[in-house]
Amino acid sequence: MYDMLKKQGESLEDHETKISVLDGRVIGLEELTVTLLEKDRQHEEKLQQMETQNLKLENTVLSTSRETQEIVKTQADKMYELAKTSMGYQTASAEQDHELRMAKLNAWSNFALKVSGALATMAGSGGLLYYVFTHFLN
């Protein structure tokens, strides 16, 4: 019986040793859990900061994009007005060129009509025949 009690005593000591080892492991696991929870909290804070920064960046990009679109639209409107004005000048210039050509043509036709009228008047009144006749006699 003594042997049996001795075995049970050793068994109890062995269990106590195992329990103390397990207690040490449990305490280590609890410390590890606390550390992991702290790291998880820090990670969540960093994620929140990143999300905040991402929203700020997105807002900046959107506002810059709006400004760029407004600038491009303004420039396009100015270019359209410039092209429209240029086309108006070209049309006015073409009209002026046409009117100038017509005025020159009209001036030449008036000159030709006056010269031909003078020649016809001289020929019809006998003045041209007289001029030619007197020119050859002299």
N, C-alpha and C. Protein backbone atom coordinates (compact mmCIF):
# COMPACT_ATOMS: atom_id res chain seq x y z
N MET A 1 0.78 -1.15 0.00
CA MET A 1 0.00 0.00 0.00
C MET A 1 0.87 1.27 0.00
N TYR A 2 1.91 1.16 0.70
CA TYR A 2 2.83 2.27 0.73
C TYR A 2 3.30 2.61 -0.69
N ASP A 3 3.54 1.58 -1.45
CA ASP A 3 3.99 1.80 -2.84
C ASP A 3 2.90 2.50 -3.64
N MET A 4 1.72 2.11 -3.40
CA MET A 4 0.60 2.69 -4.13
C MET A 4 0.45 4.17 -3.75
N LEU A 5 0.57 4.45 -2.46
CA LEU A 5 0.47 5.84 -2.03
C LEU A 5 1.64 6.65 -2.59
N LYS A 6 2.79 5.99 -2.61
CA LYS A 6 3.96 6.65 -3.14
C LYS A 6 3.76 6.97 -4.62
N LYS A 7 3.18 6.01 -5.36
CA LYS A 7 2.92 6.21 -6.78
C LYS A 7 1.89 7.33 -6.98
N GLN A 8 0.87 7.33 -6.14
CA GLN A 8 -0.15 8.37 -6.26
C GLN A 8 0.44 9.73 -5.88
N GLY A 9 1.33 9.76 -4.89
CA GLY A 9 2.00 11.00 -4.51
C GLY A 9 2.86 11.51 -5.65
N GLU A 10 3.59 10.57 -6.26
CA GLU A 10 4.43 10.96 -7.40
C GLU A 10 3.55 11.43 -8.57
N SER A 11 2.46 10.74 -8.71
CA SER A 11 1.51 11.11 -9.78
C SER A 11 0.95 12.50 -9.53
N LEU A 12 0.61 12.78 -8.25
CA LEU A 12 0.11 14.10 -7.90
C LEU A 12 1.18 15.17 -8.14
N GLU A 13 2.41 14.86 -7.77
CA GLU A 13 3.49 15.81 -7.98
C GLU A 13 3.70 16.03 -9.48
N ASP A 14 3.61 14.92 -10.22
CA ASP A 14 3.76 15.01 -11.67
C ASP A 14 2.65 15.87 -12.26
N HIS A 15 1.41 15.68 -11.74
CA HIS A 15 0.27 16.49 -12.21
C HIS A 15 0.46 17.95 -11.82
N GLU A 16 0.96 18.18 -10.62
CA GLU A 16 1.18 19.55 -10.18
C GLU A 16 2.24 20.21 -11.05
N THR A 17 3.26 19.45 -11.39
CA THR A 17 4.30 19.98 -12.27
C THR A 17 3.72 20.31 -13.63
N LYS A 18 2.91 19.37 -14.13
CA LYS A 18 2.27 19.61 -15.43
C LYS A 18 1.32 20.80 -15.37
N ILE A 19 0.61 20.91 -14.24
CA ILE A 19 -0.33 22.03 -14.09
C ILE A 19 0.44 23.34 -14.03
N SER A 20 1.56 23.35 -13.30
CA SER A 20 2.34 24.59 -13.21
C SER A 20 2.92 24.95 -14.59
N VAL A 21 3.30 23.90 -15.33
CA VAL A 21 3.79 24.16 -16.70
C VAL A 21 2.64 24.69 -17.55
N LEU A 22 1.45 24.06 -17.39
CA LEU A 22 0.28 24.51 -18.14
C LEU A 22 -0.12 25.93 -17.73
N ASP A 23 -0.02 26.21 -16.40
CA ASP A 23 -0.31 27.56 -15.94
C ASP A 23 0.64 28.57 -16.58
N GLY A 24 1.91 28.15 -16.66
CA GLY A 24 2.90 29.02 -17.31
C GLY A 24 2.55 29.23 -18.78
N ARG A 25 2.12 28.16 -19.41
CA ARG A 25 1.72 28.29 -20.83
C ARG A 25 0.47 29.15 -20.96
N VAL A 26 -0.50 28.96 -20.08
CA VAL A 26 -1.73 29.75 -20.13
C VAL A 26 -1.40 31.21 -19.91
N ILE A 27 -0.53 31.49 -18.93
CA ILE A 27 -0.13 32.88 -18.67
C ILE A 27 0.58 33.44 -19.91
N GLY A 28 1.45 32.62 -20.52
CA GLY A 28 2.14 33.05 -21.75
C GLY A 28 1.14 33.31 -22.87
N LEU A 29 0.13 32.42 -22.97
CA LEU A 29 -0.90 32.62 -24.00
C LEU A 29 -1.73 33.86 -23.73
N GLU A 30 -2.03 34.12 -22.46
CA GLU A 30 -2.79 35.32 -22.11
C GLU A 30 -2.00 36.57 -22.45
N GLU A 31 -0.69 36.55 -22.15
CA GLU A 31 0.16 37.68 -22.50
C GLU A 31 0.22 37.86 -24.02
N LEU A 32 0.35 36.75 -24.72
CA LEU A 32 0.38 36.77 -26.18
C LEU A 32 -0.94 37.32 -26.74
N THR A 33 -2.05 36.91 -26.12
CA THR A 33 -3.37 37.38 -26.56
C THR A 33 -3.48 38.89 -26.35
N VAL A 34 -3.01 39.37 -25.19
CA VAL A 34 -3.05 40.81 -24.91
C VAL A 34 -2.19 41.56 -25.93
N THR A 35 -1.01 41.02 -26.22
CA THR A 35 -0.11 41.64 -27.20
C THR A 35 -0.77 41.66 -28.58
N LEU A 36 -1.38 40.53 -28.95
CA LEU A 36 -2.05 40.45 -30.26
C LEU A 36 -3.22 41.42 -30.35
N LEU A 37 -3.97 41.55 -29.25
CA LEU A 37 -5.09 42.49 -29.24
C LEU A 37 -4.59 43.93 -29.39
N GLU A 38 -3.48 44.26 -28.74
CA GLU A 38 -2.90 45.59 -28.85
C GLU A 38 -2.43 45.85 -30.29
N LYS A 39 -1.75 44.86 -30.86
CA LYS A 39 -1.28 44.99 -32.25
C LYS A 39 -2.47 45.14 -33.20
N ASP A 40 -3.54 44.40 -32.94
CA ASP A 40 -4.75 44.48 -33.77
C ASP A 40 -5.36 45.88 -33.67
N ARG A 41 -5.39 46.44 -32.46
CA ARG A 41 -5.91 47.79 -32.26
C ARG A 41 -5.06 48.81 -33.03
N GLN A 42 -3.73 48.67 -32.94
CA GLN A 42 -2.83 49.57 -33.66
C GLN A 42 -3.04 49.45 -35.17
N HIS A 43 -3.22 48.21 -35.62
CA HIS A 43 -3.46 47.96 -37.05
C HIS A 43 -4.76 48.63 -37.50
N GLU A 44 -5.79 48.54 -36.69
CA GLU A 44 -7.08 49.18 -37.00
C GLU A 44 -6.92 50.70 -37.08
N GLU A 45 -6.14 51.27 -36.16
CA GLU A 45 -5.90 52.72 -36.19
C GLU A 45 -5.19 53.12 -37.48
N LYS A 46 -4.19 52.33 -37.87
CA LYS A 46 -3.47 52.63 -39.11
C LYS A 46 -4.40 52.52 -40.32
N LEU A 47 -5.27 51.52 -40.31
CA LEU A 47 -6.24 51.38 -41.40
C LEU A 47 -7.17 52.58 -41.46
N GLN A 48 -7.61 53.06 -40.30
CA GLN A 48 -8.48 54.24 -40.25
C GLN A 48 -7.74 55.47 -40.82
N GLN A 49 -6.47 55.61 -40.42
CA GLN A 49 -5.68 56.73 -40.93
C GLN A 49 -5.54 56.64 -42.44
N MET A 50 -5.29 55.44 -42.94
CA MET A 50 -5.15 55.25 -44.38
C MET A 50 -6.45 55.56 -45.11
N GLU A 51 -7.57 55.15 -44.55
CA GLU A 51 -8.86 55.45 -45.16
C GLU A 51 -9.11 56.95 -45.19
N THR A 52 -8.76 57.63 -44.09
CA THR A 52 -8.93 59.08 -44.03
C THR A 52 -8.06 59.76 -45.08
N GLN A 53 -6.81 59.33 -45.16
CA GLN A 53 -5.90 59.91 -46.15
C GLN A 53 -6.37 59.60 -47.57
N ASN A 54 -6.91 58.41 -47.77
CA ASN A 54 -7.42 58.03 -49.09
C ASN A 54 -8.59 58.93 -49.48
N LEU A 55 -9.48 59.22 -48.54
CA LEU A 55 -10.62 60.11 -48.83
C LEU A 55 -10.13 61.52 -49.15
N LYS A 56 -9.14 62.00 -48.39
CA LYS A 56 -8.59 63.32 -48.65
C LYS A 56 -7.99 63.37 -50.06
N LEU A 57 -7.23 62.33 -50.40
CA LEU A 57 -6.61 62.26 -51.72
C LEU A 57 -7.67 62.21 -52.81
N GLU A 58 -8.69 61.42 -52.60
CA GLU A 58 -9.78 61.31 -53.58
C GLU A 58 -10.46 62.66 -53.78
N ASN A 59 -10.73 63.37 -52.69
CA ASN A 59 -11.36 64.69 -52.79
C ASN A 59 -10.45 65.68 -53.51
N THR A 60 -9.16 65.60 -53.24
CA THR A 60 -8.20 66.48 -53.92
C THR A 60 -8.19 66.20 -55.41
N VAL A 61 -8.15 64.92 -55.77
CA VAL A 61 -8.14 64.55 -57.19
C VAL A 61 -9.42 65.01 -57.87
N LEU A 62 -10.55 64.83 -57.22
CA LEU A 62 -11.83 65.25 -57.81
C LEU A 62 -11.90 66.75 -58.00
N SER A 63 -11.45 67.51 -57.00
CA SER A 63 -11.50 68.97 -57.13
C SER A 63 -10.53 69.44 -58.21
N THR A 64 -9.36 68.83 -58.28
CA THR A 64 -8.40 69.19 -59.32
C THR A 64 -8.95 68.83 -60.70
N SER A 65 -9.60 67.70 -60.78
CA SER A 65 -10.21 67.29 -62.05
C SER A 65 -11.28 68.28 -62.48
N ARG A 66 -12.11 68.72 -61.54
CA ARG A 66 -13.14 69.72 -61.85
C ARG A 66 -12.50 71.01 -62.36
N GLU A 67 -11.45 71.45 -61.67
CA GLU A 67 -10.78 72.69 -62.07
C GLU A 67 -10.20 72.54 -63.47
N THR A 68 -9.59 71.38 -63.74
CA THR A 68 -9.00 71.13 -65.04
C THR A 68 -10.08 71.13 -66.12
N GLN A 69 -11.21 70.50 -65.83
CA GLN A 69 -12.31 70.47 -66.80
C GLN A 69 -12.82 71.89 -67.08
N GLU A 70 -12.92 72.71 -66.04
CA GLU A 70 -13.37 74.08 -66.23
C GLU A 70 -12.38 74.86 -67.09
N ILE A 71 -11.09 74.67 -66.85
CA ILE A 71 -10.07 75.37 -67.63
C ILE A 71 -10.14 74.92 -69.09
N VAL A 72 -10.25 73.61 -69.31
CA VAL A 72 -10.32 73.09 -70.68
C VAL A 72 -11.57 73.62 -71.37
N LYS A 73 -12.69 73.64 -70.67
CA LYS A 73 -13.94 74.13 -71.26
C LYS A 73 -13.80 75.61 -71.62
N THR A 74 -13.21 76.40 -70.72
CA THR A 74 -13.01 77.83 -70.99
C THR A 74 -12.12 78.02 -72.21
N GLN A 75 -11.03 77.26 -72.28
CA GLN A 75 -10.12 77.37 -73.41
C GLN A 75 -10.81 76.95 -74.71
N ALA A 76 -11.62 75.89 -74.65
CA ALA A 76 -12.33 75.44 -75.84
C ALA A 76 -13.32 76.51 -76.31
N ASP A 77 -14.01 77.14 -75.36
CA ASP A 77 -14.94 78.21 -75.72
C ASP A 77 -14.19 79.37 -76.37
N LYS A 78 -13.05 79.74 -75.80
CA LYS A 78 -12.25 80.82 -76.38
C LYS A 78 -11.78 80.47 -77.79
N MET A 79 -11.33 79.23 -77.97
CA MET A 79 -10.87 78.79 -79.29
C MET A 79 -12.02 78.81 -80.30
N TYR A 80 -13.22 78.40 -79.86
CA TYR A 80 -14.38 78.42 -80.74
C TYR A 80 -14.69 79.86 -81.16
N GLU A 81 -14.68 80.78 -80.20
CA GLU A 81 -14.96 82.18 -80.52
C GLU A 81 -13.90 82.74 -81.45
N LEU A 82 -12.64 82.37 -81.21
CA LEU A 82 -11.55 82.84 -82.06
C LEU A 82 -11.72 82.31 -83.48
N ALA A 83 -12.05 81.03 -83.61
CA ALA A 83 -12.27 80.44 -84.94
C ALA A 83 -13.47 81.09 -85.63
N LYS A 84 -14.50 81.34 -84.86
CA LYS A 84 -15.71 81.96 -85.41
C LYS A 84 -15.38 83.38 -85.91
N THR A 85 -14.64 84.13 -85.11
CA THR A 85 -14.24 85.48 -85.50
C THR A 85 -13.34 85.45 -86.73
N SER A 86 -12.41 84.49 -86.74
CA SER A 86 -11.50 84.35 -87.87
C SER A 86 -12.27 84.03 -89.14
N MET A 87 -13.25 83.16 -89.04
CA MET A 87 -14.05 82.83 -90.21
C MET A 87 -14.84 84.05 -90.67
N GLY A 88 -15.31 84.86 -89.72
CA GLY A 88 -16.00 86.10 -90.07
C GLY A 88 -15.08 87.06 -90.82
N TYR A 89 -13.84 87.17 -90.35
CA TYR A 89 -12.86 88.02 -91.03
C TYR A 89 -12.57 87.49 -92.42
N GLN A 90 -12.43 86.18 -92.55
CA GLN A 90 -12.15 85.58 -93.85
C GLN A 90 -13.31 85.84 -94.81
N THR A 91 -14.54 85.71 -94.31
CA THR A 91 -15.70 85.96 -95.15
C THR A 91 -15.75 87.42 -95.57
N ALA A 92 -15.49 88.33 -94.61
CA ALA A 92 -15.49 89.76 -94.92
C ALA A 92 -14.38 90.09 -95.90
N SER A 93 -13.22 89.48 -95.73
CA SER A 93 -12.10 89.71 -96.64
C SER A 93 -12.43 89.21 -98.04
N ALA A 94 -13.05 88.04 -98.13
CA ALA A 94 -13.44 87.51 -99.44
C ALA A 94 -14.46 88.42 -100.11
N GLU A 95 -15.40 88.95 -99.33
CA GLU A 95 -16.40 89.87 -99.89
C GLU A 95 -15.73 91.16 -100.38
N GLN A 96 -14.77 91.66 -99.60
CA GLN A 96 -14.07 92.88 -99.99
C GLN A 96 -13.25 92.65 -101.26
N ASP A 97 -12.58 91.49 -101.34
CA ASP A 97 -11.82 91.16 -102.56
C ASP A 97 -12.75 91.11 -103.77
N HIS A 98 -13.91 90.50 -103.60
CA HIS A 98 -14.87 90.41 -104.71
C HIS A 98 -15.34 91.80 -105.11
N GLU A 99 -15.67 92.63 -104.12
CA GLU A 99 -16.12 93.98 -104.43
C GLU A 99 -15.03 94.80 -105.11
N LEU A 100 -13.76 94.60 -104.67
CA LEU A 100 -12.65 95.32 -105.29
C LEU A 100 -12.49 94.89 -106.75
N ARG A 101 -12.57 93.59 -107.02
CA ARG A 101 -12.48 93.11 -108.39
C ARG A 101 -13.62 93.66 -109.25
N MET A 102 -14.80 93.70 -108.67
CA MET A 102 -15.95 94.21 -109.40
C MET A 102 -15.78 95.71 -109.68
N ALA A 103 -15.24 96.47 -108.74
CA ALA A 103 -15.02 97.90 -108.94
C ALA A 103 -13.98 98.15 -110.03
N LYS A 104 -12.87 97.34 -110.02
CA LYS A 104 -11.85 97.47 -111.07
C LYS A 104 -12.44 97.14 -112.43
N LEU A 105 -13.22 96.08 -112.49
CA LEU A 105 -13.85 95.68 -113.74
C LEU A 105 -14.82 96.76 -114.23
N ASN A 106 -15.55 97.33 -113.30
CA ASN A 106 -16.48 98.40 -113.63
C ASN A 106 -15.74 99.63 -114.15
N ALA A 107 -14.60 99.95 -113.51
CA ALA A 107 -13.80 101.10 -113.95
C ALA A 107 -13.27 100.88 -115.36
N TRP A 108 -12.74 99.67 -115.63
CA TRP A 108 -12.23 99.37 -116.98
C TRP A 108 -13.36 99.38 -118.00
N SER A 109 -14.51 98.85 -117.62
CA SER A 109 -15.62 98.85 -118.58
C SER A 109 -16.09 100.28 -118.86
N ASN A 110 -16.12 101.15 -117.84
CA ASN A 110 -16.48 102.56 -118.05
C ASN A 110 -15.48 103.25 -118.97
N PHE A 111 -14.18 102.97 -118.73
CA PHE A 111 -13.13 103.56 -119.58
C PHE A 111 -13.30 103.08 -121.02
N ALA A 112 -13.51 101.77 -121.18
CA ALA A 112 -13.67 101.22 -122.53
C ALA A 112 -14.90 101.80 -123.21
N LEU A 113 -15.98 101.95 -122.48
CA LEU A 113 -17.19 102.53 -123.06
C LEU A 113 -16.97 103.99 -123.46
N LYS A 114 -16.27 104.75 -122.66
CA LYS A 114 -16.02 106.16 -122.98
C LYS A 114 -15.11 106.29 -124.19
N VAL A 115 -14.04 105.43 -124.23
CA VAL A 115 -13.13 105.49 -125.38
C VAL A 115 -13.88 105.07 -126.64
N SER A 116 -14.61 103.96 -126.53
CA SER A 116 -15.35 103.51 -127.73
C SER A 116 -16.42 104.52 -128.12
N GLY A 117 -17.04 105.17 -127.14
CA GLY A 117 -18.02 106.21 -127.44
C GLY A 117 -17.37 107.39 -128.13
N ALA A 118 -16.19 107.77 -127.67
CA ALA A 118 -15.49 108.89 -128.29
C ALA A 118 -15.10 108.53 -129.71
N LEU A 119 -14.61 107.30 -129.91
CA LEU A 119 -14.23 106.87 -131.26
C LEU A 119 -15.46 106.80 -132.16
N ALA A 120 -16.55 106.30 -131.62
CA ALA A 120 -17.77 106.20 -132.42
C ALA A 120 -18.29 107.58 -132.77
N THR A 121 -18.17 108.52 -131.83
CA THR A 121 -18.63 109.88 -132.09
C THR A 121 -17.76 110.53 -133.17
N MET A 122 -16.46 110.31 -133.06
CA MET A 122 -15.55 110.89 -134.05
C MET A 122 -15.78 110.26 -135.42
N ALA A 123 -15.97 108.94 -135.42
CA ALA A 123 -16.19 108.28 -136.71
C ALA A 123 -17.55 108.67 -137.28
N GLY A 124 -18.53 108.81 -136.47
CA GLY A 124 -19.86 109.14 -136.94
C GLY A 124 -19.96 110.57 -137.41
N SER A 125 -19.21 111.47 -136.87
CA SER A 125 -19.30 112.87 -137.27
C SER A 125 -18.32 113.19 -138.39
N GLY A 126 -17.49 112.26 -138.76
CA GLY A 126 -16.52 112.49 -139.82
C GLY A 126 -15.22 113.05 -139.30
N GLY A 127 -15.11 113.26 -138.02
CA GLY A 127 -13.90 113.83 -137.43
C GLY A 127 -12.73 112.88 -137.52
N LEU A 128 -12.97 111.58 -137.43
CA LEU A 128 -11.88 110.60 -137.51
C LEU A 128 -11.34 110.54 -138.92
N LEU A 129 -12.22 110.55 -139.89
CA LEU A 129 -11.76 110.53 -141.29
C LEU A 129 -10.97 111.80 -141.60
N TYR A 130 -11.42 112.91 -141.06
CA TYR A 130 -10.71 114.16 -141.27
C TYR A 130 -9.34 114.09 -140.63
N TYR A 131 -9.24 113.56 -139.43
CA TYR A 131 -7.96 113.45 -138.72
C TYR A 131 -7.00 112.55 -139.49
N VAL A 132 -7.49 111.41 -139.98
CA VAL A 132 -6.62 110.48 -140.71
C VAL A 132 -6.19 111.14 -142.03
N PHE A 133 -7.10 111.79 -142.70
CA PHE A 133 -6.79 112.44 -143.96
C PHE A 133 -5.76 113.53 -143.78
N THR A 134 -5.89 114.36 -142.77
CA THR A 134 -4.94 115.44 -142.54
C THR A 134 -3.62 114.93 -142.04
N HIS A 135 -3.63 113.84 -141.36
CA HIS A 135 -2.38 113.27 -140.86
C HIS A 135 -1.53 112.74 -141.99
N PHE A 136 -2.14 112.14 -142.99
CA PHE A 136 -1.38 111.60 -144.10
C PHE A 136 -0.93 112.71 -145.06
N LEU A 137 -1.63 113.78 -145.11
CA LEU A 137 -1.24 114.86 -146.01
C LEU A 137 -0.05 115.64 -145.46
N ASN A 138 0.08 115.72 -144.24
CA ASN A 138 1.18 116.49 -143.66
C ASN A 138 2.39 115.67 -143.61
